[in-house]
Amino acid sequence: MGHTEIGGLRVAFDRTGDGPSLVLLHGILQDARAWRPQLEGLRDRFGILAWDAPGCGRSEDPPEHWRLPEYADCLAALLSELGVTDPVLCGLSWGGTLALEFQHRHPGRSTALVLVGAYAGWAGSLSDRECRARLASCLAQAGLRPEEFVPDWMPGLLTPRAPSGVVDEVTGIMSDFHPSGFRTMARAVAAADLRPHLARIDVPALVVHGDDDRRAPAGTVGAALAGAIPGARLVVLPESGHLCNVEQPGAFDRAVRDFAETVD
């Protein structure tokens, strides 16, 4: 665990393992703890960096005018500061959209993309009505206590079969949210439409979804994303929801390892 200053903001991160670089980008209402299974299960294969995005976890809040380009530039500066080169970027949900924005703004910096329950931005993957509804919901929830809204997220993130320990862990992480950071991240992903850039992605890409993902369904959001990226492969993990990396960590880690072998 560590931190550094990027553009005047304290940015925290976890590092572990040794090997090719794997950068883990968490979703909205989360932080680096969302990748606990991978920090444990993949450190024998990769040198892993998992950040707390600005406005999350141990990191400071960014200005509320930030959008995806500012987050991507902050990530690029962090990787330069820490000497992380040629990483595989693995982004979950909001973090997947950030990975796509990073690839667009900083081509040549990453060697591959793993997009987990990801969107081409909400504007790029959802109907206008759904995009507006999600943004309005997030902005309203940012003014509530965690116990007033976090439980309502669970059916969209995890299946009913998820172990109670996983539900409690996810609930605890989400309950530590930053209101300002939540608003800023929601506005950023709601405004993003990265569809025009997908056909120009020139690195290997793996798209991973849970078969019961209700936030970004594999058959619609996942299939559209994989179909738009040249050579991308879609993997659907059984018995898992949006947070398939925590609900089925063994299957998820195997998918990442297998993909890494093809990249190598």
C-alpha atoms as a PDB file:
ATOM      1  CA  MET A   1       0.000   0.000   0.000  1.00  0.00           C
ATOM      2  CA  GLY A   2       1.268   3.449  -0.852  1.00  0.00           C
ATOM      3  CA  HIS A   3       0.375   6.898  -2.114  1.00  0.00           C
ATOM      4  CA  THR A   4       1.812   9.714  -4.175  1.00  0.00           C
ATOM      5  CA  GLU A   5       0.796  13.177  -5.338  1.00  0.00           C
ATOM      6  CA  ILE A   6      -0.493  13.580  -8.890  1.00  0.00           C
ATOM      7  CA  GLY A   7      -1.440  17.077 -10.013  1.00  0.00           C
ATOM      8  CA  GLY A   8      -1.835  18.203  -6.431  1.00  0.00           C
ATOM      9  CA  LEU A   9      -4.049  15.236  -5.478  1.00  0.00           C
ATOM     10  CA  ARG A  10      -3.108  12.443  -3.112  1.00  0.00           C
ATOM     11  CA  VAL A  11      -3.612   9.178  -5.000  1.00  0.00           C
ATOM     12  CA  ALA A  12      -3.402   5.889  -3.105  1.00  0.00           C
ATOM     13  CA  PHE A  13      -2.631   2.457  -4.506  1.00  0.00           C
ATOM     14  CA  ASP A  14      -1.783  -1.125  -3.634  1.00  0.00           C
ATOM     15  CA  ARG A  15       1.103  -3.015  -5.254  1.00  0.00           C
ATOM     16  CA  THR A  16       1.989  -6.679  -5.060  1.00  0.00           C
ATOM     17  CA  GLY A  17       3.533  -9.465  -7.090  1.00  0.00           C
ATOM     18  CA  ASP A  18       6.295  -9.632  -9.634  1.00  0.00           C
ATOM     19  CA  GLY A  19       6.081 -10.033 -13.390  1.00  0.00           C
ATOM     20  CA  PRO A  20       4.386  -8.274 -16.311  1.00  0.00           C
ATOM     21  CA  SER A  21       2.367  -5.263 -15.192  1.00  0.00           C
ATOM     22  CA  LEU A  22      -1.350  -5.655 -14.542  1.00  0.00           C
ATOM     23  CA  VAL A  23      -3.197  -2.449 -13.633  1.00  0.00           C
ATOM     24  CA  LEU A  24      -6.567  -2.940 -11.923  1.00  0.00           C
ATOM     25  CA  LEU A  25      -9.184  -0.191 -12.261  1.00  0.00           C
ATOM     26  CA  HIS A  26     -12.197  -0.504  -9.967  1.00  0.00           C
ATOM     27  CA  GLY A  27     -15.787   0.535 -10.534  1.00  0.00           C
ATOM     28  CA  ILE A  28     -17.982   3.282  -9.154  1.00  0.00           C
ATOM     29  CA  LEU A  29     -18.586   3.227  -5.376  1.00  0.00           C
ATOM     30  CA  GLN A  30     -15.506   1.042  -4.977  1.00  0.00           C
ATOM     31  CA  ASP A  31     -11.757   1.243  -4.420  1.00  0.00           C
ATOM     32  CA  ALA A  32      -8.729  -1.050  -4.670  1.00  0.00           C
ATOM     33  CA  ARG A  33     -10.277  -3.450  -2.159  1.00  0.00           C
ATOM     34  CA  ALA A  34     -12.685  -4.527  -4.899  1.00  0.00           C
ATOM     35  CA  TRP A  35      -9.764  -6.484  -6.361  1.00  0.00           C
ATOM     36  CA  ARG A  36      -8.844  -8.392  -3.192  1.00  0.00           C
ATOM     37  CA  PRO A  37      -9.246 -11.830  -4.823  1.00  0.00           C
ATOM     38  CA  GLN A  38      -6.988 -10.821  -7.707  1.00  0.00           C
ATOM     39  CA  LEU A  39      -4.391  -9.155  -5.481  1.00  0.00           C
ATOM     40  CA  GLU A  40      -4.123 -12.531  -3.781  1.00  0.00           C
ATOM     41  CA  GLY A  41      -4.734 -14.872  -6.705  1.00  0.00           C
ATOM     42  CA  LEU A  42      -2.746 -13.264  -9.518  1.00  0.00           C
ATOM     43  CA  ARG A  43       0.320 -11.917  -7.755  1.00  0.00           C
ATOM     44  CA  ASP A  44       2.331 -14.997  -8.684  1.00  0.00           C
ATOM     45  CA  ARG A  45       1.843 -14.125 -12.372  1.00  0.00           C
ATOM     46  CA  PHE A  46       1.845 -10.317 -12.480  1.00  0.00           C
ATOM     47  CA  GLY A  47       3.232  -7.229 -10.882  1.00  0.00           C
ATOM     48  CA  ILE A  48      -0.123  -5.751  -9.867  1.00  0.00           C
ATOM     49  CA  LEU A  49      -1.041  -2.113  -9.314  1.00  0.00           C
ATOM     50  CA  ALA A  50      -4.559  -1.353  -8.037  1.00  0.00           C
ATOM     51  CA  TRP A  51      -5.337   2.307  -7.482  1.00  0.00           C
ATOM     52  CA  ASP A  52      -7.968   4.119  -5.487  1.00  0.00           C
ATOM     53  CA  ALA A  53      -9.273   6.445  -8.186  1.00  0.00           C
ATOM     54  CA  PRO A  54      -9.432  10.103  -7.148  1.00  0.00           C
ATOM     55  CA  GLY A  55     -12.613  10.469  -5.121  1.00  0.00           C
ATOM     56  CA  CYS A  56     -12.473   6.901  -3.792  1.00  0.00           C
ATOM     57  CA  GLY A  57     -10.954   5.044  -0.849  1.00  0.00           C
ATOM     58  CA  ARG A  58      -7.792   6.645   0.479  1.00  0.00           C
ATOM     59  CA  SER A  59      -7.413   9.091  -2.434  1.00  0.00           C
ATOM     60  CA  GLU A  60      -8.467  12.733  -2.367  1.00  0.00           C
ATOM     61  CA  ASP A  61     -11.498  14.041  -4.222  1.00  0.00           C
ATOM     62  CA  PRO A  62     -10.875  15.612  -7.633  1.00  0.00           C
ATOM     63  CA  PRO A  63     -12.652  18.767  -8.779  1.00  0.00           C
ATOM     64  CA  GLU A  64     -16.248  17.962  -9.666  1.00  0.00           C
ATOM     65  CA  HIS A  65     -15.748  19.209 -13.225  1.00  0.00           C
ATOM     66  CA  TRP A  66     -13.531  16.185 -13.971  1.00  0.00           C
ATOM     67  CA  ARG A  67     -14.658  13.806 -16.681  1.00  0.00           C
ATOM     68  CA  LEU A  68     -13.069  10.646 -18.116  1.00  0.00           C
ATOM     69  CA  PRO A  69     -10.191  12.492 -19.878  1.00  0.00           C
ATOM     70  CA  GLU A  70      -8.978  13.959 -16.577  1.00  0.00           C
ATOM     71  CA  TYR A  71      -9.126  10.565 -14.865  1.00  0.00           C
ATOM     72  CA  ALA A  72      -7.218   8.974 -17.770  1.00  0.00           C
ATOM     73  CA  ASP A  73      -4.522  11.636 -17.661  1.00  0.00           C
ATOM     74  CA  CYS A  74      -4.203  11.210 -13.896  1.00  0.00           C
ATOM     75  CA  LEU A  75      -3.772   7.466 -14.370  1.00  0.00           C
ATOM     76  CA  ALA A  76      -1.142   8.023 -17.042  1.00  0.00           C
ATOM     77  CA  ALA A  77       0.780  10.331 -14.715  1.00  0.00           C
ATOM     78  CA  LEU A  78       0.546   7.775 -11.897  1.00  0.00           C
ATOM     79  CA  LEU A  79       1.934   5.005 -14.102  1.00  0.00           C
ATOM     80  CA  SER A  80       4.809   7.259 -15.153  1.00  0.00           C
ATOM     81  CA  GLU A  81       5.496   8.242 -11.543  1.00  0.00           C
ATOM     82  CA  LEU A  82       5.627   4.583 -10.471  1.00  0.00           C
ATOM     83  CA  GLY A  83       7.581   3.369 -13.490  1.00  0.00           C
ATOM     84  CA  VAL A  84       4.810   1.068 -14.719  1.00  0.00           C
ATOM     85  CA  THR A  85       5.345   0.332 -18.426  1.00  0.00           C
ATOM     86  CA  ASP A  86       3.478  -1.761 -20.989  1.00  0.00           C
ATOM     87  CA  PRO A  87       0.704  -2.842 -18.624  1.00  0.00           C
ATOM     88  CA  VAL A  88      -2.361  -4.920 -19.221  1.00  0.00           C
ATOM     89  CA  LEU A  89      -5.219  -2.638 -18.161  1.00  0.00           C
ATOM     90  CA  CYS A  90      -8.035  -4.488 -16.400  1.00  0.00           C
ATOM     91  CA  GLY A  91     -11.067  -2.318 -15.747  1.00  0.00           C
ATOM     92  CA  LEU A  92     -14.296  -3.272 -13.992  1.00  0.00           C
ATOM     93  CA  SER A  93     -17.521  -1.464 -14.950  1.00  0.00           C
ATOM     94  CA  TRP A  94     -16.650   2.263 -14.593  1.00  0.00           C
ATOM     95  CA  GLY A  95     -13.003   1.191 -14.598  1.00  0.00           C
ATOM     96  CA  GLY A  96     -13.532  -0.517 -17.949  1.00  0.00           C
ATOM     97  CA  THR A  97     -14.770   2.741 -19.435  1.00  0.00           C
ATOM     98  CA  LEU A  98     -11.689   4.422 -17.976  1.00  0.00           C
ATOM     99  CA  ALA A  99      -9.471   1.777 -19.603  1.00  0.00           C
ATOM    100  CA  LEU A 100     -11.044   2.575 -22.976  1.00  0.00           C
ATOM    101  CA  GLU A 101     -10.572   6.311 -22.429  1.00  0.00           C
ATOM    102  CA  PHE A 102      -6.941   5.700 -21.451  1.00  0.00           C
ATOM    103  CA  GLN A 103      -6.361   3.654 -24.600  1.00  0.00           C
ATOM    104  CA  HIS A 104      -7.830   6.475 -26.684  1.00  0.00           C
ATOM    105  CA  ARG A 105      -5.897   9.305 -25.038  1.00  0.00           C
ATOM    106  CA  HIS A 106      -2.631   7.451 -24.465  1.00  0.00           C
ATOM    107  CA  PRO A 107      -2.206   4.980 -27.326  1.00  0.00           C
ATOM    108  CA  GLY A 108       0.860   2.783 -27.099  1.00  0.00           C
ATOM    109  CA  ARG A 109       0.986   2.889 -23.308  1.00  0.00           C
ATOM    110  CA  SER A 110      -0.813  -0.424 -22.674  1.00  0.00           C
ATOM    111  CA  THR A 111      -0.285  -3.846 -24.219  1.00  0.00           C
ATOM    112  CA  ALA A 112      -3.796  -5.287 -23.755  1.00  0.00           C
ATOM    113  CA  LEU A 113      -7.230  -4.589 -22.263  1.00  0.00           C
ATOM    114  CA  VAL A 114      -9.409  -6.710 -19.984  1.00  0.00           C
ATOM    115  CA  LEU A 115     -12.856  -5.123 -19.852  1.00  0.00           C
ATOM    116  CA  VAL A 116     -15.045  -6.549 -17.084  1.00  0.00           C
ATOM    117  CA  GLY A 117     -18.748  -5.721 -17.083  1.00  0.00           C
ATOM    118  CA  ALA A 118     -17.630  -2.642 -18.955  1.00  0.00           C
ATOM    119  CA  TYR A 119     -19.393   0.089 -20.879  1.00  0.00           C
ATOM    120  CA  ALA A 120     -18.387   2.299 -23.784  1.00  0.00           C
ATOM    121  CA  GLY A 121     -19.595   4.952 -21.352  1.00  0.00           C
ATOM    122  CA  TRP A 122     -23.207   4.979 -20.219  1.00  0.00           C
ATOM    123  CA  ALA A 123     -24.030   7.245 -23.150  1.00  0.00           C
ATOM    124  CA  GLY A 124     -22.297   4.737 -25.432  1.00  0.00           C
ATOM    125  CA  SER A 125     -23.864   1.535 -24.080  1.00  0.00           C
ATOM    126  CA  LEU A 126     -27.260   2.442 -22.636  1.00  0.00           C
ATOM    127  CA  SER A 127     -30.378   4.094 -23.967  1.00  0.00           C
ATOM    128  CA  ASP A 128     -30.663   7.812 -23.374  1.00  0.00           C
ATOM    129  CA  ARG A 129     -33.512   7.160 -20.936  1.00  0.00           C
ATOM    130  CA  GLU A 130     -31.522   4.598 -18.917  1.00  0.00           C
ATOM    131  CA  CYS A 131     -28.428   6.810 -18.910  1.00  0.00           C
ATOM    132  CA  ARG A 132     -30.362   9.770 -17.541  1.00  0.00           C
ATOM    133  CA  ALA A 133     -32.126   7.598 -14.961  1.00  0.00           C
ATOM    134  CA  ARG A 134     -28.874   6.113 -13.664  1.00  0.00           C
ATOM    135  CA  LEU A 135     -27.237   9.515 -13.386  1.00  0.00           C
ATOM    136  CA  ALA A 136     -30.216  11.006 -11.549  1.00  0.00           C
ATOM    137  CA  SER A 137     -30.259   8.040  -9.169  1.00  0.00           C
ATOM    138  CA  CYS A 138     -26.547   8.329  -8.392  1.00  0.00           C
ATOM    139  CA  LEU A 139     -26.720  12.072  -7.787  1.00  0.00           C
ATOM    140  CA  ALA A 140     -29.631  11.578  -5.383  1.00  0.00           C
ATOM    141  CA  GLN A 141     -27.918   8.686  -3.587  1.00  0.00           C
ATOM    142  CA  ALA A 142     -24.758  10.741  -3.071  1.00  0.00           C
ATOM    143  CA  GLY A 143     -26.724  12.765  -0.523  1.00  0.00           C
ATOM    144  CA  LEU A 144     -27.909   9.727   1.445  1.00  0.00           C
ATOM    145  CA  ARG A 145     -26.393   7.585   4.175  1.00  0.00           C
ATOM    146  CA  PRO A 146     -24.942   4.291   2.867  1.00  0.00           C
ATOM    147  CA  GLU A 147     -27.523   2.166   4.649  1.00  0.00           C
ATOM    148  CA  GLU A 148     -30.244   4.059   2.796  1.00  0.00           C
ATOM    149  CA  PHE A 149     -29.135   3.013  -0.698  1.00  0.00           C
ATOM    150  CA  VAL A 150     -26.205   0.579  -0.825  1.00  0.00           C
ATOM    151  CA  PRO A 151     -28.384  -2.518  -0.153  1.00  0.00           C
ATOM    152  CA  ASP A 152     -30.492  -1.593  -3.187  1.00  0.00           C
ATOM    153  CA  TRP A 153     -27.431  -2.024  -5.418  1.00  0.00           C
ATOM    154  CA  MET A 154     -26.785  -5.641  -4.424  1.00  0.00           C
ATOM    155  CA  PRO A 155     -29.318  -7.387  -6.725  1.00  0.00           C
ATOM    156  CA  GLY A 156     -27.733  -5.637  -9.705  1.00  0.00           C
ATOM    157  CA  LEU A 157     -24.170  -6.475  -8.706  1.00  0.00           C
ATOM    158  CA  LEU A 158     -24.305 -10.013  -7.283  1.00  0.00           C
ATOM    159  CA  THR A 159     -26.505 -13.038  -7.841  1.00  0.00           C
ATOM    160  CA  PRO A 160     -28.789 -14.376  -5.093  1.00  0.00           C
ATOM    161  CA  ARG A 161     -26.294 -17.248  -4.753  1.00  0.00           C
ATOM    162  CA  ALA A 162     -23.450 -14.965  -3.674  1.00  0.00           C
ATOM    163  CA  PRO A 163     -22.030 -15.991  -0.278  1.00  0.00           C
ATOM    164  CA  SER A 164     -23.004 -13.732   2.596  1.00  0.00           C
ATOM    165  CA  GLY A 165     -19.342 -12.944   3.200  1.00  0.00           C
ATOM    166  CA  VAL A 166     -19.010 -11.574  -0.356  1.00  0.00           C
ATOM    167  CA  VAL A 167     -22.173  -9.500   0.051  1.00  0.00           C
ATOM    168  CA  ASP A 168     -20.882  -8.079   3.338  1.00  0.00           C
ATOM    169  CA  GLU A 169     -17.480  -7.294   1.838  1.00  0.00           C
ATOM    170  CA  VAL A 170     -18.948  -5.473  -1.157  1.00  0.00           C
ATOM    171  CA  THR A 171     -21.405  -3.619   1.083  1.00  0.00           C
ATOM    172  CA  GLY A 172     -18.579  -2.480   3.348  1.00  0.00           C
ATOM    173  CA  ILE A 173     -16.491  -1.160   0.464  1.00  0.00           C
ATOM    174  CA  MET A 174     -19.401   0.703  -1.094  1.00  0.00           C
ATOM    175  CA  SER A 175     -20.425   2.168   2.258  1.00  0.00           C
ATOM    176  CA  ASP A 176     -17.080   3.986   2.480  1.00  0.00           C
ATOM    177  CA  PHE A 177     -17.955   6.128  -0.552  1.00  0.00           C
ATOM    178  CA  HIS A 178     -17.037   9.800  -0.984  1.00  0.00           C
ATOM    179  CA  PRO A 179     -20.166  11.828  -1.862  1.00  0.00           C
ATOM    180  CA  SER A 180     -18.242  14.277  -4.064  1.00  0.00           C
ATOM    181  CA  GLY A 181     -16.276  11.503  -5.741  1.00  0.00           C
ATOM    182  CA  PHE A 182     -19.457   9.507  -6.371  1.00  0.00           C
ATOM    183  CA  ARG A 183     -21.102  12.477  -8.090  1.00  0.00           C
ATOM    184  CA  THR A 184     -18.045  13.187 -10.212  1.00  0.00           C
ATOM    185  CA  MET A 185     -17.585   9.584 -11.330  1.00  0.00           C
ATOM    186  CA  ALA A 186     -21.282   9.265 -12.187  1.00  0.00           C
ATOM    187  CA  ARG A 187     -21.259  12.421 -14.293  1.00  0.00           C
ATOM    188  CA  ALA A 188     -18.067  11.283 -16.027  1.00  0.00           C
ATOM    189  CA  VAL A 189     -19.344   7.863 -17.085  1.00  0.00           C
ATOM    190  CA  ALA A 190     -22.799   9.220 -17.965  1.00  0.00           C
ATOM    191  CA  ALA A 191     -21.269  11.741 -20.365  1.00  0.00           C
ATOM    192  CA  ALA A 192     -18.905   9.257 -22.019  1.00  0.00           C
ATOM    193  CA  ASP A 193     -19.570   7.725 -25.441  1.00  0.00           C
ATOM    194  CA  LEU A 194     -16.454   5.927 -26.635  1.00  0.00           C
ATOM    195  CA  ARG A 195     -18.067   4.040 -29.519  1.00  0.00           C
ATOM    196  CA  PRO A 196     -16.294   6.135 -32.177  1.00  0.00           C
ATOM    197  CA  HIS A 197     -12.900   5.008 -30.841  1.00  0.00           C
ATOM    198  CA  LEU A 198     -13.498   1.276 -30.441  1.00  0.00           C
ATOM    199  CA  ALA A 199     -12.677   0.271 -34.005  1.00  0.00           C
ATOM    200  CA  ARG A 200      -9.241   1.874 -33.673  1.00  0.00           C
ATOM    201  CA  ILE A 201      -8.159  -0.192 -30.665  1.00  0.00           C
ATOM    202  CA  ASP A 202      -5.039  -2.044 -31.797  1.00  0.00           C
ATOM    203  CA  VAL A 203      -4.183  -4.133 -28.733  1.00  0.00           C
ATOM    204  CA  PRO A 204      -5.663  -7.497 -27.717  1.00  0.00           C
ATOM    205  CA  ALA A 205      -8.890  -7.168 -25.761  1.00  0.00           C
ATOM    206  CA  LEU A 206     -10.810  -9.579 -23.542  1.00  0.00           C
ATOM    207  CA  VAL A 207     -14.381  -8.718 -22.577  1.00  0.00           C
ATOM    208  CA  VAL A 208     -15.606 -10.554 -19.457  1.00  0.00           C
ATOM    209  CA  HIS A 209     -19.148 -10.598 -18.089  1.00  0.00           C
ATOM    210  CA  GLY A 210     -21.099 -12.603 -15.577  1.00  0.00           C
ATOM    211  CA  ASP A 211     -23.985 -14.568 -17.045  1.00  0.00           C
ATOM    212  CA  ASP A 212     -26.395 -12.845 -14.627  1.00  0.00           C
ATOM    213  CA  ASP A 213     -25.002  -9.320 -14.955  1.00  0.00           C
ATOM    214  CA  ARG A 214     -28.001  -7.030 -14.620  1.00  0.00           C
ATOM    215  CA  ARG A 215     -26.060  -3.776 -14.803  1.00  0.00           C
ATOM    216  CA  ALA A 216     -24.282  -4.516 -18.094  1.00  0.00           C
ATOM    217  CA  PRO A 217     -25.818  -7.677 -19.572  1.00  0.00           C
ATOM    218  CA  ALA A 218     -23.449  -9.894 -21.533  1.00  0.00           C
ATOM    219  CA  GLY A 219     -25.906 -10.410 -24.387  1.00  0.00           C
ATOM    220  CA  THR A 220     -26.362  -6.709 -25.073  1.00  0.00           C
ATOM    221  CA  VAL A 221     -23.727  -4.433 -23.525  1.00  0.00           C
ATOM    222  CA  GLY A 222     -20.963  -7.071 -23.541  1.00  0.00           C
ATOM    223  CA  ALA A 223     -21.697  -8.381 -27.020  1.00  0.00           C
ATOM    224  CA  ALA A 224     -21.859  -4.875 -28.492  1.00  0.00           C
ATOM    225  CA  LEU A 225     -18.543  -3.909 -26.905  1.00  0.00           C
ATOM    226  CA  ALA A 226     -16.751  -7.077 -27.997  1.00  0.00           C
ATOM    227  CA  GLY A 227     -18.200  -6.813 -31.491  1.00  0.00           C
ATOM    228  CA  ALA A 228     -16.940  -3.264 -31.950  1.00  0.00           C
ATOM    229  CA  ILE A 229     -13.314  -3.908 -30.890  1.00  0.00           C
ATOM    230  CA  PRO A 230     -11.209  -5.642 -33.555  1.00  0.00           C
ATOM    231  CA  GLY A 231     -10.335  -9.185 -32.500  1.00  0.00           C
ATOM    232  CA  ALA A 232     -11.917  -8.882 -29.059  1.00  0.00           C
ATOM    233  CA  ARG A 233     -13.094 -12.069 -27.353  1.00  0.00           C
ATOM    234  CA  LEU A 234     -16.144 -12.253 -25.095  1.00  0.00           C
ATOM    235  CA  VAL A 235     -16.032 -14.630 -22.117  1.00  0.00           C
ATOM    236  CA  VAL A 236     -19.178 -15.142 -20.044  1.00  0.00           C
ATOM    237  CA  LEU A 237     -18.611 -16.575 -16.565  1.00  0.00           C
ATOM    238  CA  PRO A 238     -21.398 -18.753 -15.164  1.00  0.00           C
ATOM    239  CA  GLU A 239     -23.190 -18.158 -11.886  1.00  0.00           C
ATOM    240  CA  SER A 240     -21.987 -14.591 -11.467  1.00  0.00           C
ATOM    241  CA  GLY A 241     -23.291 -11.071 -11.705  1.00  0.00           C
ATOM    242  CA  HIS A 242     -21.738  -7.699 -12.471  1.00  0.00           C
ATOM    243  CA  LEU A 243     -18.933  -8.223  -9.959  1.00  0.00           C
ATOM    244  CA  CYS A 244     -17.882 -11.540 -11.464  1.00  0.00           C
ATOM    245  CA  ASN A 245     -14.296 -11.072 -10.240  1.00  0.00           C
ATOM    246  CA  VAL A 246     -15.419 -11.453  -6.605  1.00  0.00           C
ATOM    247  CA  GLU A 247     -18.300 -13.859  -7.122  1.00  0.00           C
ATOM    248  CA  GLN A 248     -16.308 -16.316  -9.265  1.00  0.00           C
ATOM    249  CA  PRO A 249     -12.674 -15.369  -8.580  1.00  0.00           C
ATOM    250  CA  GLY A 250     -11.221 -18.707  -9.653  1.00  0.00           C
ATOM    251  CA  ALA A 251     -12.880 -18.657 -13.071  1.00  0.00           C
ATOM    252  CA  PHE A 252     -12.098 -14.963 -13.486  1.00  0.00           C
ATOM    253  CA  ASP A 253      -8.418 -15.398 -12.645  1.00  0.00           C
ATOM    254  CA  ARG A 254      -8.130 -18.328 -15.047  1.00  0.00           C
ATOM    255  CA  ALA A 255      -9.621 -16.223 -17.840  1.00  0.00           C
ATOM    256  CA  VAL A 256      -7.079 -13.469 -17.185  1.00  0.00           C
ATOM    257  CA  ARG A 257      -4.181 -15.942 -17.029  1.00  0.00           C
ATOM    258  CA  ASP A 258      -5.243 -17.626 -20.270  1.00  0.00           C
ATOM    259  CA  PHE A 259      -5.600 -14.271 -21.985  1.00  0.00           C
ATOM    260  CA  ALA A 260      -2.183 -13.173 -20.739  1.00  0.00           C
ATOM    261  CA  GLU A 261      -0.645 -16.255 -22.325  1.00  0.00           C
ATOM    262  CA  THR A 262      -2.008 -15.239 -25.724  1.00  0.00           C
ATOM    263  CA  VAL A 263      -0.722 -11.686 -25.235  1.00  0.00           C
ATOM    264  CA  ASP A 264       2.734 -12.968 -24.351  1.00  0.00           C
END
